């Protein structure tokens, strides 16, 4: 499933992503990204994915700008609380920090390439957050689930 954002949507996502990054750092919210890319880019990429998922599924995106750590990105029509995990790597996999998040039911993997967001698949919290899935990919340990083990949309 691929969602293409128009130029105004990209501009909005960049603005919200930058604001969220700035607000989080000003309020000492720890940057929980996995990888060596900068936090602002990660926040912009993440919001593009969140926005595109909401757009594709006819949900209202969370435009909130208050400092937060660990809350859900949204709720599906059937009531599942979701967390979008984005990557700029074409063949990236689903990754999450070791912090257990009680507010999440499903994790969604999104590949972000400028204004195109491809939703690769999803996994339940129990499928991802499992001791057998802990790996260190060079930036500390975290949960790892291969893209090929995800449920398709």
C-alpha atoms as a PDB file:
ATOM      1  CA  UNK A   1       0.000   0.000   0.000  1.00  0.00           C
ATOM      2  CA  UNK A   2       1.616   3.278  -1.144  1.00  0.00           C
ATOM      3  CA  UNK A   3       0.432   6.776  -0.221  1.00  0.00           C
ATOM      4  CA  UNK A   4       1.678   9.822  -2.098  1.00  0.00           C
ATOM      5  CA  UNK A   5       1.630  13.160  -0.302  1.00  0.00           C
ATOM      6  CA  UNK A   6       1.082  16.347  -2.279  1.00  0.00           C
ATOM      7  CA  UNK A   7       3.494  19.297  -1.796  1.00  0.00           C
ATOM      8  CA  UNK A   8       1.268  21.024   0.785  1.00  0.00           C
ATOM      9  CA  UNK A   9       0.959  17.806   2.818  1.00  0.00           C
ATOM     10  CA  UNK A  10       4.751  17.397   2.741  1.00  0.00           C
ATOM     11  CA  UNK A  11       5.154  20.990   3.926  1.00  0.00           C
ATOM     12  CA  UNK A  12       2.666  20.384   6.757  1.00  0.00           C
ATOM     13  CA  UNK A  13       4.442  17.173   7.814  1.00  0.00           C
ATOM     14  CA  UNK A  14       7.835  18.888   7.794  1.00  0.00           C
ATOM     15  CA  UNK A  15       6.472  21.734   9.907  1.00  0.00           C
ATOM     16  CA  UNK A  16       4.808  19.445  12.474  1.00  0.00           C
ATOM     17  CA  UNK A  17       7.852  17.136  12.576  1.00  0.00           C
ATOM     18  CA  UNK A  18      10.235  20.035  13.217  1.00  0.00           C
ATOM     19  CA  UNK A  19       7.970  21.497  15.901  1.00  0.00           C
ATOM     20  CA  UNK A  20       7.584  18.136  17.643  1.00  0.00           C
ATOM     21  CA  UNK A  21      11.344  17.629  17.617  1.00  0.00           C
ATOM     22  CA  UNK A  22      11.999  21.087  19.039  1.00  0.00           C
ATOM     23  CA  UNK A  23       9.326  20.777  21.743  1.00  0.00           C
ATOM     24  CA  UNK A  24      10.531  17.317  22.767  1.00  0.00           C
ATOM     25  CA  UNK A  25      14.182  18.384  23.099  1.00  0.00           C
ATOM     26  CA  UNK A  26      13.212  21.540  25.031  1.00  0.00           C
ATOM     27  CA  UNK A  27      11.320  19.344  27.492  1.00  0.00           C
ATOM     28  CA  UNK A  28      14.091  16.765  27.890  1.00  0.00           C
ATOM     29  CA  UNK A  29      12.180  13.974  26.131  1.00  0.00           C
ATOM     30  CA  UNK A  30      14.812  11.380  25.247  1.00  0.00           C
ATOM     31  CA  UNK A  31      15.296  10.819  21.513  1.00  0.00           C
ATOM     32  CA  UNK A  32      14.311   7.143  21.147  1.00  0.00           C
ATOM     33  CA  UNK A  33      15.255   6.676  17.491  1.00  0.00           C
ATOM     34  CA  UNK A  34      17.295   3.661  16.445  1.00  0.00           C
ATOM     35  CA  UNK A  35      20.041   4.555  14.021  1.00  0.00           C
ATOM     36  CA  UNK A  36      22.523   7.310  13.359  1.00  0.00           C
ATOM     37  CA  UNK A  37      20.299   9.827  11.539  1.00  0.00           C
ATOM     38  CA  UNK A  38      19.560  13.126  13.280  1.00  0.00           C
ATOM     39  CA  UNK A  39      16.497  13.522  15.483  1.00  0.00           C
ATOM     40  CA  UNK A  40      14.818  16.283  13.450  1.00  0.00           C
ATOM     41  CA  UNK A  41      14.955  14.222  10.246  1.00  0.00           C
ATOM     42  CA  UNK A  42      13.634  11.205  12.140  1.00  0.00           C
ATOM     43  CA  UNK A  43      10.723  13.239  13.548  1.00  0.00           C
ATOM     44  CA  UNK A  44       9.825  14.615  10.114  1.00  0.00           C
ATOM     45  CA  UNK A  45      10.034  11.171   8.537  1.00  0.00           C
ATOM     46  CA  UNK A  46       7.951   9.717  11.357  1.00  0.00           C
ATOM     47  CA  UNK A  47       5.208  12.300  11.039  1.00  0.00           C
ATOM     48  CA  UNK A  48       5.033  11.827   7.273  1.00  0.00           C
ATOM     49  CA  UNK A  49       4.380   8.137   7.933  1.00  0.00           C
ATOM     50  CA  UNK A  50       1.817   8.850  10.668  1.00  0.00           C
ATOM     51  CA  UNK A  51      -0.013  11.354   8.478  1.00  0.00           C
ATOM     52  CA  UNK A  52       0.002   9.038   5.437  1.00  0.00           C
ATOM     53  CA  UNK A  53      -1.355   6.119   7.493  1.00  0.00           C
ATOM     54  CA  UNK A  54      -4.189   8.266   8.833  1.00  0.00           C
ATOM     55  CA  UNK A  55      -4.923   9.576   5.330  1.00  0.00           C
ATOM     56  CA  UNK A  56      -4.976   6.073   3.815  1.00  0.00           C
ATOM     57  CA  UNK A  57      -7.263   4.710   6.533  1.00  0.00           C
ATOM     58  CA  UNK A  58      -9.597   7.708   6.787  1.00  0.00           C
ATOM     59  CA  UNK A  59      -8.453   8.490  10.331  1.00  0.00           C
ATOM     60  CA  UNK A  60      -7.709  11.881  11.844  1.00  0.00           C
ATOM     61  CA  UNK A  61      -3.951  12.328  12.350  1.00  0.00           C
ATOM     62  CA  UNK A  62      -2.609  13.374  15.732  1.00  0.00           C
ATOM     63  CA  UNK A  63      -1.413  16.961  15.258  1.00  0.00           C
ATOM     64  CA  UNK A  64      -0.580  17.289  18.970  1.00  0.00           C
ATOM     65  CA  UNK A  65       2.530  19.268  19.840  1.00  0.00           C
ATOM     66  CA  UNK A  66       2.824  18.599  23.558  1.00  0.00           C
ATOM     67  CA  UNK A  67       5.939  16.773  24.774  1.00  0.00           C
ATOM     68  CA  UNK A  68       5.273  13.057  24.875  1.00  0.00           C
ATOM     69  CA  UNK A  69       7.083   9.791  25.074  1.00  0.00           C
ATOM     70  CA  UNK A  70       5.621   6.399  24.354  1.00  0.00           C
ATOM     71  CA  UNK A  71       2.016   7.173  23.491  1.00  0.00           C
ATOM     72  CA  UNK A  72       0.133   5.684  20.541  1.00  0.00           C
ATOM     73  CA  UNK A  73       0.243   7.440  17.173  1.00  0.00           C
ATOM     74  CA  UNK A  74      -3.471   6.779  16.726  1.00  0.00           C
ATOM     75  CA  UNK A  75      -6.354   4.339  16.977  1.00  0.00           C
ATOM     76  CA  UNK A  76      -7.744   2.253  14.112  1.00  0.00           C
ATOM     77  CA  UNK A  77     -11.473   2.035  13.414  1.00  0.00           C
ATOM     78  CA  UNK A  78     -11.575  -1.307  15.248  1.00  0.00           C
ATOM     79  CA  UNK A  79      -9.960   0.260  18.332  1.00  0.00           C
ATOM     80  CA  UNK A  80      -6.362  -0.985  17.970  1.00  0.00           C
ATOM     81  CA  UNK A  81      -3.795   1.528  19.198  1.00  0.00           C
ATOM     82  CA  UNK A  82      -0.954   1.754  16.696  1.00  0.00           C
ATOM     83  CA  UNK A  83       2.631   2.937  16.566  1.00  0.00           C
ATOM     84  CA  UNK A  84       4.115   3.739  13.156  1.00  0.00           C
ATOM     85  CA  UNK A  85       7.793   2.840  12.746  1.00  0.00           C
ATOM     86  CA  UNK A  86       9.354   4.506   9.726  1.00  0.00           C
ATOM     87  CA  UNK A  87      12.523   3.832   7.797  1.00  0.00           C
ATOM     88  CA  UNK A  88      14.329   5.444   4.890  1.00  0.00           C
ATOM     89  CA  UNK A  89      15.957   2.111   4.015  1.00  0.00           C
ATOM     90  CA  UNK A  90      14.212   0.493   1.038  1.00  0.00           C
ATOM     91  CA  UNK A  91      14.455  -2.969   2.555  1.00  0.00           C
ATOM     92  CA  UNK A  92      14.245  -1.924   6.206  1.00  0.00           C
ATOM     93  CA  UNK A  93      12.710  -4.060   8.927  1.00  0.00           C
ATOM     94  CA  UNK A  94      10.473  -3.370  11.906  1.00  0.00           C
ATOM     95  CA  UNK A  95      12.550  -2.026  14.800  1.00  0.00           C
ATOM     96  CA  UNK A  96      11.653  -0.798  18.258  1.00  0.00           C
ATOM     97  CA  UNK A  97      13.550   0.188  21.386  1.00  0.00           C
ATOM     98  CA  UNK A  98      13.545  -2.122  24.389  1.00  0.00           C
ATOM     99  CA  UNK A  99      11.173   0.225  26.227  1.00  0.00           C
ATOM    100  CA  UNK A 100       7.893  -1.650  26.705  1.00  0.00           C
ATOM    101  CA  UNK A 101       4.988   0.533  25.615  1.00  0.00           C
ATOM    102  CA  UNK A 102       1.711  -0.409  27.271  1.00  0.00           C
ATOM    103  CA  UNK A 103      -0.227   2.014  25.033  1.00  0.00           C
ATOM    104  CA  UNK A 104       0.355   0.052  21.804  1.00  0.00           C
ATOM    105  CA  UNK A 105      -1.514  -2.913  20.303  1.00  0.00           C
ATOM    106  CA  UNK A 106       0.073  -3.034  16.829  1.00  0.00           C
ATOM    107  CA  UNK A 107       3.249  -1.774  15.178  1.00  0.00           C
ATOM    108  CA  UNK A 108       3.255  -0.668  11.526  1.00  0.00           C
ATOM    109  CA  UNK A 109       6.347  -0.477   9.289  1.00  0.00           C
ATOM    110  CA  UNK A 110       6.493   2.370   6.768  1.00  0.00           C
ATOM    111  CA  UNK A 111       9.161   3.039   4.148  1.00  0.00           C
ATOM    112  CA  UNK A 112       9.425   6.787   3.524  1.00  0.00           C
ATOM    113  CA  UNK A 113      10.939   8.093   0.288  1.00  0.00           C
ATOM    114  CA  UNK A 114      10.432  11.870   0.062  1.00  0.00           C
ATOM    115  CA  UNK A 115       6.664  12.211  -0.569  1.00  0.00           C
ATOM    116  CA  UNK A 116       5.914   8.509  -1.082  1.00  0.00           C
ATOM    117  CA  UNK A 117       5.148   6.316   1.905  1.00  0.00           C
ATOM    118  CA  UNK A 118       4.856   2.573   1.467  1.00  0.00           C
ATOM    119  CA  UNK A 119       3.276   0.555   4.260  1.00  0.00           C
ATOM    120  CA  UNK A 120       5.145  -2.744   4.346  1.00  0.00           C
ATOM    121  CA  UNK A 121       3.115  -4.551   7.001  1.00  0.00           C
ATOM    122  CA  UNK A 122       2.284  -4.775  10.671  1.00  0.00           C
ATOM    123  CA  UNK A 123       2.780  -6.927  13.766  1.00  0.00           C
ATOM    124  CA  UNK A 124       1.041  -7.221  17.109  1.00  0.00           C
ATOM    125  CA  UNK A 125       2.852  -6.069  20.215  1.00  0.00           C
ATOM    126  CA  UNK A 126       3.286  -9.704  21.269  1.00  0.00           C
ATOM    127  CA  UNK A 127       4.830 -10.621  17.904  1.00  0.00           C
ATOM    128  CA  UNK A 128       7.436  -7.830  18.071  1.00  0.00           C
ATOM    129  CA  UNK A 129       8.081  -7.344  21.784  1.00  0.00           C
ATOM    130  CA  UNK A 130       9.574 -10.751  22.476  1.00  0.00           C
ATOM    131  CA  UNK A 131      12.970 -11.751  23.918  1.00  0.00           C
ATOM    132  CA  UNK A 132      13.725 -13.856  20.828  1.00  0.00           C
ATOM    133  CA  UNK A 133      13.536 -10.670  18.710  1.00  0.00           C
ATOM    134  CA  UNK A 134      16.238  -8.701  20.571  1.00  0.00           C
ATOM    135  CA  UNK A 135      19.150  -7.771  18.298  1.00  0.00           C
ATOM    136  CA  UNK A 136      21.947  -5.256  18.202  1.00  0.00           C
ATOM    137  CA  UNK A 137      22.314  -3.720  14.743  1.00  0.00           C
ATOM    138  CA  UNK A 138      25.210  -1.494  15.785  1.00  0.00           C
ATOM    139  CA  UNK A 139      23.268   1.214  17.647  1.00  0.00           C
ATOM    140  CA  UNK A 140      22.348  -0.670  20.803  1.00  0.00           C
ATOM    141  CA  UNK A 141      19.929  -3.511  21.417  1.00  0.00           C
ATOM    142  CA  UNK A 142      16.318  -3.332  20.322  1.00  0.00           C
ATOM    143  CA  UNK A 143      13.487  -5.460  19.006  1.00  0.00           C
ATOM    144  CA  UNK A 144      13.820  -6.594  15.388  1.00  0.00           C
ATOM    145  CA  UNK A 145      11.247  -8.298  13.182  1.00  0.00           C
ATOM    146  CA  UNK A 146      11.992  -9.043   9.545  1.00  0.00           C
ATOM    147  CA  UNK A 147       9.758  -7.293   7.029  1.00  0.00           C
ATOM    148  CA  UNK A 148       9.026 -10.746   5.609  1.00  0.00           C
ATOM    149  CA  UNK A 149       7.394 -11.813   8.891  1.00  0.00           C
ATOM    150  CA  UNK A 150       4.909  -8.933   8.956  1.00  0.00           C
ATOM    151  CA  UNK A 151       1.193  -9.204   8.225  1.00  0.00           C
ATOM    152  CA  UNK A 152       0.352  -7.597   4.907  1.00  0.00           C
ATOM    153  CA  UNK A 153      -2.318  -4.939   4.462  1.00  0.00           C
END
